[in-house]
Amino acid sequence: MQPEPSTPPAPRATAPVHEPRREDCPWCGSTRLRTRLRAPDLRRRTPGTFVVDECQDCAHAFQNPRLTAEGLARHHRDLDDGHLQPFAERVRSAQRHRAAAHALFTTPGFDEPESWLDVGTGHARFPEAARQFFTYTSFDGLDPTPRVQQARAAGRIEEAYTGRLTDPRIAAHLRARYDVVSMFHHLEHTPDPRAELRAALTVLRPGGHLLIEVADPNSAFGTLLGKWWHPHGQPRHLHLMPLDNLRAELESQGCTVVTTDRRAAHTPDDLAAALSLALPHVLPKRLLGAATPLRAAVTALDHALAPLLRRTRFSNAYRIIARTGGHSRT
């Protein structure tokens, strides 16, 4: 008698990578949404198409449906490893970071802080650059990746925290510890930017300052370049917030917005980044090296146009410096 064939095991359920699609804006609750963008993962070229919706009332743009935490982890890769950046790009990044630190340094009524937390710090390149102006400040860093521990080992920060600011354990541990919290192109990656802002305010002392830079969804480059515009960043960028929305949110939390700036926050890389994204999709891999002179020419064009573009709607980012309520330590 032949044994009966065994029943094959049922396939294991695969966890969904997307949350249910939202029918309302996560910022203002309006149901007047329009599709701003449909794009694949242009960097990793993994399967799937991602949708960015835009609210027709408040202009907040957001990934919809949003990736789950597991789905985002699947798509997230360390694309901008600071150790692998070309030397010229690291120099330009350091220049931008020094400019941001200088903006706070020259803010009226601002004194050198005792303690500073850089959120989403990565390899802590900003604290490294900011020490030029704040030689007596203690810089700490927080990041969801192990890069922050590497930054501490390299001496760029004094304390390193791995995780998210919205983790109640981290927020409680750091409560009212810092005079300054900075976030550079961090809010775009967060599942809930409002929760991230509230968490930042809990770790600030009364009268402390919050320094934020984010991509500007109102940039004309977003319309011109579409899916090739680097700040659209699908699937890793979950939110793009207009300046007016972020300013109003900070004010509703009792903050005073000290300054806003689109000019200085502009990063001159829109055309070069779009070209770098597009070339692997239109050229065979063996020919990509031949495009190096074209890349160099477009990079030069970005920088040549920057003094003009940063004064127009083509500026691609903005900076906000806000002060919390209460009295400063000085």
C-alpha atoms as a PDB file:
ATOM      1  CA  MET A   1       0.000   0.000   0.000  1.00  0.00           C
ATOM      2  CA  GLN A   2       1.453   3.277  -1.101  1.00  0.00           C
ATOM      3  CA  PRO A   3       1.538   6.009   1.518  1.00  0.00           C
ATOM      4  CA  GLU A   4      -0.724   8.960   0.816  1.00  0.00           C
ATOM      5  CA  PRO A   5       1.150  11.989  -0.382  1.00  0.00           C
ATOM      6  CA  SER A   6       1.666  14.510   2.383  1.00  0.00           C
ATOM      7  CA  THR A   7      -0.250  17.745   2.147  1.00  0.00           C
ATOM      8  CA  PRO A   8       2.123  20.588   1.284  1.00  0.00           C
ATOM      9  CA  PRO A   9       2.338  23.224   3.994  1.00  0.00           C
ATOM     10  CA  ALA A  10       0.210  26.275   3.442  1.00  0.00           C
ATOM     11  CA  PRO A  11       2.239  29.265   2.227  1.00  0.00           C
ATOM     12  CA  ARG A  12       3.125  31.650   5.001  1.00  0.00           C
ATOM     13  CA  ALA A  13       1.136  34.843   4.987  1.00  0.00           C
ATOM     14  CA  THR A  14       3.117  37.819   3.817  1.00  0.00           C
ATOM     15  CA  ALA A  15       2.753  40.911   5.942  1.00  0.00           C
ATOM     16  CA  PRO A  16       1.234  43.796   3.974  1.00  0.00           C
ATOM     17  CA  VAL A  17       3.663  46.511   2.978  1.00  0.00           C
ATOM     18  CA  HIS A  18       1.027  49.208   2.653  1.00  0.00           C
ATOM     19  CA  GLU A  19      -1.447  50.619   5.112  1.00  0.00           C
ATOM     20  CA  PRO A  20      -5.027  51.189   3.931  1.00  0.00           C
ATOM     21  CA  ARG A  21      -5.371  54.152   1.620  1.00  0.00           C
ATOM     22  CA  ARG A  22      -6.436  57.376   3.322  1.00  0.00           C
ATOM     23  CA  GLU A  23      -9.422  59.304   2.073  1.00  0.00           C
ATOM     24  CA  ASP A  24      -8.511  62.446   3.981  1.00  0.00           C
ATOM     25  CA  CYS A  25      -5.496  64.682   4.454  1.00  0.00           C
ATOM     26  CA  PRO A  26      -3.351  63.690   7.469  1.00  0.00           C
ATOM     27  CA  TRP A  27      -2.587  67.366   8.098  1.00  0.00           C
ATOM     28  CA  CYS A  28      -5.948  69.171   7.907  1.00  0.00           C
ATOM     29  CA  GLY A  29      -8.524  66.376   7.482  1.00  0.00           C
ATOM     30  CA  SER A  30      -9.855  67.605   4.146  1.00  0.00           C
ATOM     31  CA  THR A  31     -11.194  64.966   1.745  1.00  0.00           C
ATOM     32  CA  ARG A  32     -10.322  67.093  -1.293  1.00  0.00           C
ATOM     33  CA  LEU A  33      -7.319  65.100  -2.479  1.00  0.00           C
ATOM     34  CA  ARG A  34      -5.689  64.889  -5.870  1.00  0.00           C
ATOM     35  CA  THR A  35      -2.946  62.630  -7.180  1.00  0.00           C
ATOM     36  CA  ARG A  36       0.276  64.607  -7.388  1.00  0.00           C
ATOM     37  CA  LEU A  37       2.588  61.804  -8.472  1.00  0.00           C
ATOM     38  CA  ARG A  38       2.882  58.118  -9.332  1.00  0.00           C
ATOM     39  CA  ALA A  39       6.432  56.813  -9.254  1.00  0.00           C
ATOM     40  CA  PRO A  40       8.422  53.606  -8.844  1.00  0.00           C
ATOM     41  CA  ASP A  41      11.465  53.266  -6.624  1.00  0.00           C
ATOM     42  CA  LEU A  42      13.852  54.961  -9.050  1.00  0.00           C
ATOM     43  CA  ARG A  43      16.958  54.248  -6.997  1.00  0.00           C
ATOM     44  CA  ARG A  44      16.593  50.604  -6.036  1.00  0.00           C
ATOM     45  CA  ARG A  45      14.253  49.719  -8.908  1.00  0.00           C
ATOM     46  CA  THR A  46      12.318  47.378  -6.649  1.00  0.00           C
ATOM     47  CA  PRO A  47       8.811  46.369  -7.750  1.00  0.00           C
ATOM     48  CA  GLY A  48       5.865  48.602  -7.066  1.00  0.00           C
ATOM     49  CA  THR A  49       4.436  52.008  -7.822  1.00  0.00           C
ATOM     50  CA  PHE A  50       3.985  54.615  -5.123  1.00  0.00           C
ATOM     51  CA  VAL A  51       1.397  57.363  -5.077  1.00  0.00           C
ATOM     52  CA  VAL A  52       1.776  60.846  -3.628  1.00  0.00           C
ATOM     53  CA  ASP A  53      -1.505  62.641  -2.991  1.00  0.00           C
ATOM     54  CA  GLU A  54      -1.863  66.353  -2.359  1.00  0.00           C
ATOM     55  CA  CYS A  55      -4.529  68.128  -0.339  1.00  0.00           C
ATOM     56  CA  GLN A  56      -6.316  70.770  -2.394  1.00  0.00           C
ATOM     57  CA  ASP A  57      -7.060  72.773   0.745  1.00  0.00           C
ATOM     58  CA  CYS A  58      -3.749  72.930   2.654  1.00  0.00           C
ATOM     59  CA  ALA A  59      -1.345  71.651  -0.079  1.00  0.00           C
ATOM     60  CA  HIS A  60       0.167  68.986   2.189  1.00  0.00           C
ATOM     61  CA  ALA A  61       1.592  66.145   0.051  1.00  0.00           C
ATOM     62  CA  PHE A  62       1.857  62.610   1.393  1.00  0.00           C
ATOM     63  CA  GLN A  63       2.441  59.021   0.314  1.00  0.00           C
ATOM     64  CA  ASN A  64      -0.952  57.328  -0.062  1.00  0.00           C
ATOM     65  CA  PRO A  65      -1.285  54.490   0.707  1.00  0.00           C
ATOM     66  CA  ARG A  66       1.596  54.771   3.099  1.00  0.00           C
ATOM     67  CA  LEU A  67       4.122  52.018   3.578  1.00  0.00           C
ATOM     68  CA  THR A  68       3.895  50.118   6.841  1.00  0.00           C
ATOM     69  CA  ALA A  69       6.912  50.161   9.136  1.00  0.00           C
ATOM     70  CA  GLU A  70       7.908  46.767   7.726  1.00  0.00           C
ATOM     71  CA  GLY A  71       7.366  47.924   4.162  1.00  0.00           C
ATOM     72  CA  LEU A  72       9.424  51.056   4.728  1.00  0.00           C
ATOM     73  CA  ALA A  73      12.228  49.012   6.288  1.00  0.00           C
ATOM     74  CA  ARG A  74      12.225  46.791   3.209  1.00  0.00           C
ATOM     75  CA  HIS A  75      12.716  49.735   0.886  1.00  0.00           C
ATOM     76  CA  HIS A  76      15.029  51.756   3.072  1.00  0.00           C
ATOM     77  CA  ARG A  77      18.669  51.465   2.256  1.00  0.00           C
ATOM     78  CA  ASP A  78      21.629  53.539   3.346  1.00  0.00           C
ATOM     79  CA  LEU A  79      21.726  55.395   0.028  1.00  0.00           C
ATOM     80  CA  ASP A  80      23.670  58.389   1.247  1.00  0.00           C
ATOM     81  CA  ASP A  81      26.368  56.827   3.360  1.00  0.00           C
ATOM     82  CA  GLY A  82      28.590  59.655   4.528  1.00  0.00           C
ATOM     83  CA  HIS A  83      31.701  57.519   4.237  1.00  0.00           C
ATOM     84  CA  LEU A  84      30.981  56.815   0.575  1.00  0.00           C
ATOM     85  CA  GLN A  85      30.098  60.369  -0.487  1.00  0.00           C
ATOM     86  CA  PRO A  86      32.483  61.913  -3.020  1.00  0.00           C
ATOM     87  CA  PHE A  87      34.844  64.340  -1.339  1.00  0.00           C
ATOM     88  CA  ALA A  88      33.434  67.340  -3.253  1.00  0.00           C
ATOM     89  CA  GLU A  89      29.899  66.522  -2.128  1.00  0.00           C
ATOM     90  CA  ARG A  90      31.008  66.195   1.482  1.00  0.00           C
ATOM     91  CA  VAL A  91      32.624  69.631   1.223  1.00  0.00           C
ATOM     92  CA  ARG A  92      29.376  71.125  -0.145  1.00  0.00           C
ATOM     93  CA  SER A  93      27.370  69.442   2.624  1.00  0.00           C
ATOM     94  CA  ALA A  94      29.720  70.874   5.236  1.00  0.00           C
ATOM     95  CA  GLN A  95      29.284  74.330   3.703  1.00  0.00           C
ATOM     96  CA  ARG A  96      25.487  74.061   3.905  1.00  0.00           C
ATOM     97  CA  HIS A  97      25.677  72.827   7.483  1.00  0.00           C
ATOM     98  CA  ARG A  98      27.963  75.676   8.501  1.00  0.00           C
ATOM     99  CA  ALA A  99      25.554  78.142   6.876  1.00  0.00           C
ATOM    100  CA  ALA A 100      22.641  76.716   8.877  1.00  0.00           C
ATOM    101  CA  ALA A 101      24.624  76.878  12.113  1.00  0.00           C
ATOM    102  CA  HIS A 102      25.651  80.449  11.312  1.00  0.00           C
ATOM    103  CA  ALA A 103      21.984  81.380  10.796  1.00  0.00           C
ATOM    104  CA  LEU A 104      21.246  80.362  14.377  1.00  0.00           C
ATOM    105  CA  PHE A 105      24.493  81.875  15.638  1.00  0.00           C
ATOM    106  CA  THR A 106      23.416  85.286  14.280  1.00  0.00           C
ATOM    107  CA  THR A 107      19.797  85.076  15.515  1.00  0.00           C
ATOM    108  CA  PRO A 108      19.085  88.107  17.743  1.00  0.00           C
ATOM    109  CA  GLY A 109      19.053  87.192  21.428  1.00  0.00           C
ATOM    110  CA  PHE A 110      20.594  83.768  20.857  1.00  0.00           C
ATOM    111  CA  ASP A 111      23.495  82.752  23.107  1.00  0.00           C
ATOM    112  CA  GLU A 112      25.744  79.755  22.720  1.00  0.00           C
ATOM    113  CA  PRO A 113      23.791  76.718  23.952  1.00  0.00           C
ATOM    114  CA  GLU A 114      25.041  74.256  26.516  1.00  0.00           C
ATOM    115  CA  SER A 115      23.444  71.241  24.830  1.00  0.00           C
ATOM    116  CA  TRP A 116      22.239  70.438  21.306  1.00  0.00           C
ATOM    117  CA  LEU A 117      20.454  67.372  19.891  1.00  0.00           C
ATOM    118  CA  ASP A 118      20.636  66.691  16.154  1.00  0.00           C
ATOM    119  CA  VAL A 119      17.721  64.420  15.166  1.00  0.00           C
ATOM    120  CA  GLY A 120      18.163  62.152  12.145  1.00  0.00           C
ATOM    121  CA  THR A 121      21.855  62.915  12.435  1.00  0.00           C
ATOM    122  CA  GLY A 122      23.202  59.946  10.412  1.00  0.00           C
ATOM    123  CA  HIS A 123      26.981  60.252  10.581  1.00  0.00           C
ATOM    124  CA  ALA A 124      26.643  63.555  12.517  1.00  0.00           C
ATOM    125  CA  ARG A 125      28.064  65.737   9.784  1.00  0.00           C
ATOM    126  CA  PHE A 126      26.043  68.701  11.000  1.00  0.00           C
ATOM    127  CA  PRO A 127      27.410  68.668  14.573  1.00  0.00           C
ATOM    128  CA  GLU A 128      30.883  68.306  13.112  1.00  0.00           C
ATOM    129  CA  ALA A 129      30.380  71.462  11.016  1.00  0.00           C
ATOM    130  CA  ALA A 130      28.508  73.434  13.688  1.00  0.00           C
ATOM    131  CA  ARG A 131      31.403  73.243  16.157  1.00  0.00           C
ATOM    132  CA  GLN A 132      33.069  75.989  14.129  1.00  0.00           C
ATOM    133  CA  PHE A 133      30.589  78.410  15.736  1.00  0.00           C
ATOM    134  CA  PHE A 134      29.667  76.592  18.945  1.00  0.00           C
ATOM    135  CA  THR A 135      32.966  75.431  20.403  1.00  0.00           C
ATOM    136  CA  TYR A 136      31.658  75.003  23.956  1.00  0.00           C
ATOM    137  CA  THR A 137      28.386  73.260  23.072  1.00  0.00           C
ATOM    138  CA  SER A 138      27.798  69.598  23.831  1.00  0.00           C
ATOM    139  CA  PHE A 139      26.351  67.936  20.697  1.00  0.00           C
ATOM    140  CA  ASP A 140      24.352  64.703  20.897  1.00  0.00           C
ATOM    141  CA  GLY A 141      22.772  62.776  18.042  1.00  0.00           C
ATOM    142  CA  LEU A 142      19.736  60.584  17.473  1.00  0.00           C
ATOM    143  CA  ASP A 143      19.136  58.361  14.459  1.00  0.00           C
ATOM    144  CA  PRO A 144      17.200  55.152  13.735  1.00  0.00           C
ATOM    145  CA  THR A 145      20.301  53.549  12.163  1.00  0.00           C
ATOM    146  CA  PRO A 146      23.615  52.365  13.658  1.00  0.00           C
ATOM    147  CA  ARG A 147      25.354  55.260  11.922  1.00  0.00           C
ATOM    148  CA  VAL A 148      24.820  57.377  15.029  1.00  0.00           C
ATOM    149  CA  GLN A 149      26.939  54.979  17.103  1.00  0.00           C
ATOM    150  CA  GLN A 150      29.670  55.169  14.463  1.00  0.00           C
ATOM    151  CA  ALA A 151      29.505  58.970  14.694  1.00  0.00           C
ATOM    152  CA  ARG A 152      30.001  58.801  18.451  1.00  0.00           C
ATOM    153  CA  ALA A 153      32.965  56.467  18.015  1.00  0.00           C
ATOM    154  CA  ALA A 154      34.429  58.983  15.549  1.00  0.00           C
ATOM    155  CA  GLY A 155      34.080  61.765  18.121  1.00  0.00           C
ATOM    156  CA  ARG A 156      31.554  63.884  16.217  1.00  0.00           C
ATOM    157  CA  ILE A 157      28.979  63.721  19.021  1.00  0.00           C
ATOM    158  CA  GLU A 158      29.168  63.059  22.737  1.00  0.00           C
ATOM    159  CA  GLU A 159      26.058  60.940  23.256  1.00  0.00           C
ATOM    160  CA  ALA A 160      24.373  58.711  20.651  1.00  0.00           C
ATOM    161  CA  TYR A 161      20.788  57.473  20.761  1.00  0.00           C
ATOM    162  CA  THR A 162      19.508  54.849  18.363  1.00  0.00           C
ATOM    163  CA  GLY A 163      15.791  55.044  17.685  1.00  0.00           C
ATOM    164  CA  ARG A 164      13.095  57.621  17.071  1.00  0.00           C
ATOM    165  CA  LEU A 165      12.292  60.724  19.040  1.00  0.00           C
ATOM    166  CA  THR A 166       8.651  59.641  19.232  1.00  0.00           C
ATOM    167  CA  ASP A 167       9.612  56.532  21.233  1.00  0.00           C
ATOM    168  CA  PRO A 168       8.176  57.344  24.691  1.00  0.00           C
ATOM    169  CA  ARG A 169      11.217  55.876  26.416  1.00  0.00           C
ATOM    170  CA  ILE A 170      13.606  58.109  24.489  1.00  0.00           C
ATOM    171  CA  ALA A 171      11.433  61.208  24.867  1.00  0.00           C
ATOM    172  CA  ALA A 172      11.108  60.626  28.617  1.00  0.00           C
ATOM    173  CA  HIS A 173      14.847  60.067  29.023  1.00  0.00           C
ATOM    174  CA  LEU A 174      15.687  63.278  27.143  1.00  0.00           C
ATOM    175  CA  ARG A 175      12.897  65.479  28.518  1.00  0.00           C
ATOM    176  CA  ALA A 176      13.883  69.163  28.875  1.00  0.00           C
ATOM    177  CA  ARG A 177      17.568  68.335  28.358  1.00  0.00           C
ATOM    178  CA  TYR A 178      18.468  70.494  25.337  1.00  0.00           C
ATOM    179  CA  ASP A 179      18.765  74.164  24.440  1.00  0.00           C
ATOM    180  CA  VAL A 180      18.610  73.408  20.696  1.00  0.00           C
ATOM    181  CA  VAL A 181      17.099  70.607  18.608  1.00  0.00           C
ATOM    182  CA  SER A 182      17.898  70.471  14.883  1.00  0.00           C
ATOM    183  CA  MET A 183      16.258  68.434  12.124  1.00  0.00           C
ATOM    184  CA  PHE A 184      17.738  68.519   8.624  1.00  0.00           C
ATOM    185  CA  HIS A 185      15.552  66.866   5.975  1.00  0.00           C
ATOM    186  CA  HIS A 186      14.258  64.543   8.639  1.00  0.00           C
ATOM    187  CA  LEU A 187      10.532  65.281   8.844  1.00  0.00           C
ATOM    188  CA  GLU A 188       9.994  64.047   5.268  1.00  0.00           C
ATOM    189  CA  HIS A 189      10.863  60.521   6.450  1.00  0.00           C
ATOM    190  CA  THR A 190       8.693  60.424   9.567  1.00  0.00           C
ATOM    191  CA  PRO A 191       5.318  58.644   9.696  1.00  0.00           C
ATOM    192  CA  ASP A 192       3.790  61.494  11.727  1.00  0.00           C
ATOM    193  CA  PRO A 193       5.571  64.875  11.418  1.00  0.00           C
ATOM    194  CA  ARG A 194       3.281  66.493  13.995  1.00  0.00           C
ATOM    195  CA  ALA A 195       4.155  63.836  16.584  1.00  0.00           C
ATOM    196  CA  GLU A 196       7.832  64.359  15.755  1.00  0.00           C
ATOM    197  CA  LEU A 197       7.511  68.103  16.382  1.00  0.00           C
ATOM    198  CA  ARG A 198       5.718  67.558  19.692  1.00  0.00           C
ATOM    199  CA  ALA A 199       8.439  65.138  20.770  1.00  0.00           C
ATOM    200  CA  ALA A 200      11.109  67.692  19.829  1.00  0.00           C
ATOM    201  CA  LEU A 201       9.421  70.310  21.998  1.00  0.00           C
ATOM    202  CA  THR A 202       9.369  67.962  25.007  1.00  0.00           C
ATOM    203  CA  VAL A 203      13.153  67.540  24.934  1.00  0.00           C
ATOM    204  CA  LEU A 204      13.756  71.304  24.656  1.00  0.00           C
ATOM    205  CA  ARG A 205      14.178  73.502  27.692  1.00  0.00           C
ATOM    206  CA  PRO A 206      11.914  76.556  28.061  1.00  0.00           C
ATOM    207  CA  GLY A 207      13.138  79.230  25.668  1.00  0.00           C
ATOM    208  CA  GLY A 208      15.025  76.641  23.590  1.00  0.00           C
ATOM    209  CA  HIS A 209      15.318  76.783  19.808  1.00  0.00           C
ATOM    210  CA  LEU A 210      14.189  74.399  17.096  1.00  0.00           C
ATOM    211  CA  LEU A 211      16.051  74.484  13.771  1.00  0.00           C
ATOM    212  CA  ILE A 212      14.318  72.723  10.857  1.00  0.00           C
ATOM    213  CA  GLU A 213      15.134  72.334   7.165  1.00  0.00           C
ATOM    214  CA  VAL A 214      12.800  70.434   4.837  1.00  0.00           C
ATOM    215  CA  ALA A 215      12.097  70.118   1.133  1.00  0.00           C
ATOM    216  CA  ASP A 216       9.601  72.664  -0.197  1.00  0.00           C
ATOM    217  CA  PRO A 217       6.712  70.968  -2.053  1.00  0.00           C
ATOM    218  CA  ASN A 218       5.855  74.336  -3.620  1.00  0.00           C
ATOM    219  CA  SER A 219       9.155  74.419  -5.517  1.00  0.00           C
ATOM    220  CA  ALA A 220       8.628  74.834  -9.246  1.00  0.00           C
ATOM    221  CA  PHE A 221      11.158  72.045  -9.767  1.00  0.00           C
ATOM    222  CA  GLY A 222       8.633  69.614  -8.292  1.00  0.00           C
ATOM    223  CA  THR A 223       6.226  70.367 -11.146  1.00  0.00           C
ATOM    224  CA  LEU A 224       8.920  70.611 -13.814  1.00  0.00           C
ATOM    225  CA  LEU A 225      10.766  67.381 -12.981  1.00  0.00           C
ATOM    226  CA  GLY A 226       7.888  65.278 -11.620  1.00  0.00           C
ATOM    227  CA  LYS A 227       8.997  61.828 -10.505  1.00  0.00           C
ATOM    228  CA  TRP A 228      12.629  62.735 -11.263  1.00  0.00           C
ATOM    229  CA  TRP A 229      12.631  65.500  -8.633  1.00  0.00           C
ATOM    230  CA  HIS A 230      14.871  64.197  -5.871  1.00  0.00           C
ATOM    231  CA  PRO A 231      12.772  65.451  -2.891  1.00  0.00           C
ATOM    232  CA  HIS A 232       9.804  63.367  -4.067  1.00  0.00           C
ATOM    233  CA  GLY A 233      12.056  60.500  -2.954  1.00  0.00           C
ATOM    234  CA  GLN A 234       9.631  57.610  -3.285  1.00  0.00           C
ATOM    235  CA  PRO A 235       9.148  55.417  -1.371  1.00  0.00           C
ATOM    236  CA  ARG A 236      11.232  56.846   1.469  1.00  0.00           C
ATOM    237  CA  HIS A 237       9.724  60.344   1.673  1.00  0.00           C
ATOM    238  CA  LEU A 238       6.339  60.082   3.368  1.00  0.00           C
ATOM    239  CA  HIS A 239       5.415  63.766   3.739  1.00  0.00           C
ATOM    240  CA  LEU A 240       6.137  67.109   2.044  1.00  0.00           C
ATOM    241  CA  MET A 241       4.936  70.071   4.107  1.00  0.00           C
ATOM    242  CA  PRO A 242       4.411  73.619   2.836  1.00  0.00           C
ATOM    243  CA  LEU A 243       6.083  76.345   4.860  1.00  0.00           C
ATOM    244  CA  ASP A 244       2.799  77.936   5.962  1.00  0.00           C
ATOM    245  CA  ASN A 245       1.561  74.624   7.390  1.00  0.00           C
ATOM    246  CA  LEU A 246       4.684  74.000   9.426  1.00  0.00           C
ATOM    247  CA  ARG A 247       4.808  77.568  10.695  1.00  0.00           C
ATOM    248  CA  ALA A 248       1.159  77.431  11.789  1.00  0.00           C
ATOM    249  CA  GLU A 249       1.735  74.115  13.568  1.00  0.00           C
ATOM    250  CA  LEU A 250       4.704  75.467  15.514  1.00  0.00           C
ATOM    251  CA  GLU A 251       2.749  78.549  16.522  1.00  0.00           C
ATOM    252  CA  SER A 252      -0.170  76.376  17.647  1.00  0.00           C
ATOM    253  CA  GLN A 253       2.279  74.565  19.940  1.00  0.00           C
ATOM    254  CA  GLY A 254       3.210  77.834  21.634  1.00  0.00           C
ATOM    255  CA  CYS A 255       6.387  78.521  19.658  1.00  0.00           C
ATOM    256  CA  THR A 256       7.516  81.861  18.278  1.00  0.00           C
ATOM    257  CA  VAL A 257       8.789  81.579  14.711  1.00  0.00           C
ATOM    258  CA  VAL A 258      11.964  83.656  14.758  1.00  0.00           C
ATOM    259  CA  THR A 259      12.838  83.391  11.084  1.00  0.00           C
ATOM    260  CA  THR A 260      12.009  81.562   7.850  1.00  0.00           C
ATOM    261  CA  ASP A 261      14.315  81.339   4.850  1.00  0.00           C
ATOM    262  CA  ARG A 262      13.966  79.757   1.423  1.00  0.00           C
ATOM    263  CA  ARG A 263      17.086  81.260  -0.132  1.00  0.00           C
ATOM    264  CA  ALA A 264      19.780  79.910   2.156  1.00  0.00           C
ATOM    265  CA  ALA A 265      18.159  76.466   2.432  1.00  0.00           C
ATOM    266  CA  HIS A 266      18.179  75.866  -1.336  1.00  0.00           C
ATOM    267  CA  THR A 267      20.417  72.938  -2.322  1.00  0.00           C
ATOM    268  CA  PRO A 268      21.715  73.315  -5.906  1.00  0.00           C
ATOM    269  CA  ASP A 269      21.306  69.731  -7.091  1.00  0.00           C
ATOM    270  CA  ASP A 270      17.879  69.460  -8.746  1.00  0.00           C
ATOM    271  CA  LEU A 271      19.033  68.987 -12.335  1.00  0.00           C
ATOM    272  CA  ALA A 272      22.053  66.826 -11.494  1.00  0.00           C
ATOM    273  CA  ALA A 273      20.013  64.577  -9.191  1.00  0.00           C
ATOM    274  CA  ALA A 274      17.281  64.189 -11.826  1.00  0.00           C
ATOM    275  CA  LEU A 275      19.888  63.262 -14.419  1.00  0.00           C
ATOM    276  CA  SER A 276      21.473  60.708 -12.078  1.00  0.00           C
ATOM    277  CA  LEU A 277      18.072  59.118 -11.493  1.00  0.00           C
ATOM    278  CA  ALA A 278      17.136  59.084 -15.185  1.00  0.00           C
ATOM    279  CA  LEU A 279      20.346  57.851 -16.809  1.00  0.00           C
ATOM    280  CA  PRO A 280      20.200  54.242 -15.507  1.00  0.00           C
ATOM    281  CA  HIS A 281      16.688  54.008 -16.951  1.00  0.00           C
ATOM    282  CA  VAL A 282      17.640  55.194 -20.447  1.00  0.00           C
ATOM    283  CA  LEU A 283      21.215  53.991 -20.919  1.00  0.00           C
ATOM    284  CA  PRO A 284      22.702  50.497 -20.804  1.00  0.00           C
ATOM    285  CA  LYS A 285      24.860  49.983 -17.743  1.00  0.00           C
ATOM    286  CA  ARG A 286      28.013  49.732 -19.858  1.00  0.00           C
ATOM    287  CA  LEU A 287      27.461  53.275 -21.162  1.00  0.00           C
ATOM    288  CA  LEU A 288      26.863  55.020 -17.859  1.00  0.00           C
ATOM    289  CA  GLY A 289      30.543  55.861 -17.456  1.00  0.00           C
ATOM    290  CA  ALA A 290      30.478  57.748 -20.758  1.00  0.00           C
ATOM    291  CA  ALA A 291      27.902  60.125 -19.278  1.00  0.00           C
ATOM    292  CA  THR A 292      30.336  61.420 -16.638  1.00  0.00           C
ATOM    293  CA  PRO A 293      31.116  64.651 -18.550  1.00  0.00           C
ATOM    294  CA  LEU A 294      27.389  65.304 -18.906  1.00  0.00           C
ATOM    295  CA  ARG A 295      26.878  64.812 -15.175  1.00  0.00           C
ATOM    296  CA  ALA A 296      29.702  67.246 -14.449  1.00  0.00           C
ATOM    297  CA  ALA A 297      28.255  69.838 -16.826  1.00  0.00           C
ATOM    298  CA  VAL A 298      24.774  69.613 -15.307  1.00  0.00           C
ATOM    299  CA  THR A 299      26.205  69.840 -11.782  1.00  0.00           C
ATOM    300  CA  ALA A 300      28.043  72.998 -12.812  1.00  0.00           C
ATOM    301  CA  LEU A 301      24.810  74.362 -14.275  1.00  0.00           C
ATOM    302  CA  ASP A 302      22.974  73.735 -10.986  1.00  0.00           C
ATOM    303  CA  HIS A 303      25.566  75.770  -9.124  1.00  0.00           C
ATOM    304  CA  ALA A 304      25.740  78.507 -11.738  1.00  0.00           C
ATOM    305  CA  LEU A 305      21.972  78.997 -11.604  1.00  0.00           C
ATOM    306  CA  ALA A 306      21.712  78.743  -7.811  1.00  0.00           C
ATOM    307  CA  PRO A 307      22.159  82.474  -7.013  1.00  0.00           C
ATOM    308  CA  LEU A 308      19.169  83.234  -9.253  1.00  0.00           C
ATOM    309  CA  LEU A 309      16.979  80.194  -8.529  1.00  0.00           C
ATOM    310  CA  ARG A 310      17.198  80.483  -4.762  1.00  0.00           C
ATOM    311  CA  ARG A 311      15.407  83.854  -5.076  1.00  0.00           C
ATOM    312  CA  THR A 312      12.508  82.383  -7.051  1.00  0.00           C
ATOM    313  CA  ARG A 313       9.859  79.676  -6.767  1.00  0.00           C
ATOM    314  CA  PHE A 314      12.562  77.211  -7.878  1.00  0.00           C
ATOM    315  CA  SER A 315      14.098  77.242  -4.399  1.00  0.00           C
ATOM    316  CA  ASN A 316      13.768  73.622  -3.300  1.00  0.00           C
ATOM    317  CA  ALA A 317      13.848  73.839   0.505  1.00  0.00           C
ATOM    318  CA  TYR A 318      13.163  76.129   3.430  1.00  0.00           C
ATOM    319  CA  ARG A 319      14.468  76.688   6.920  1.00  0.00           C
ATOM    320  CA  ILE A 320      12.553  77.581  10.065  1.00  0.00           C
ATOM    321  CA  ILE A 321      14.033  78.703  13.378  1.00  0.00           C
ATOM    322  CA  ALA A 322      11.491  78.730  16.216  1.00  0.00           C
ATOM    323  CA  ARG A 323      11.732  79.434  19.930  1.00  0.00           C
ATOM    324  CA  THR A 324       9.720  77.577  22.517  1.00  0.00           C
ATOM    325  CA  GLY A 325       7.564  79.308  25.098  1.00  0.00           C
ATOM    326  CA  GLY A 326       8.888  80.204  28.520  1.00  0.00           C
ATOM    327  CA  HIS A 327      12.012  82.053  29.502  1.00  0.00           C
ATOM    328  CA  SER A 328      15.444  81.219  28.163  1.00  0.00           C
ATOM    329  CA  ARG A 329      18.173  80.165  30.575  1.00  0.00           C
ATOM    330  CA  THR A 330      19.819  83.564  30.025  1.00  0.00           C
END
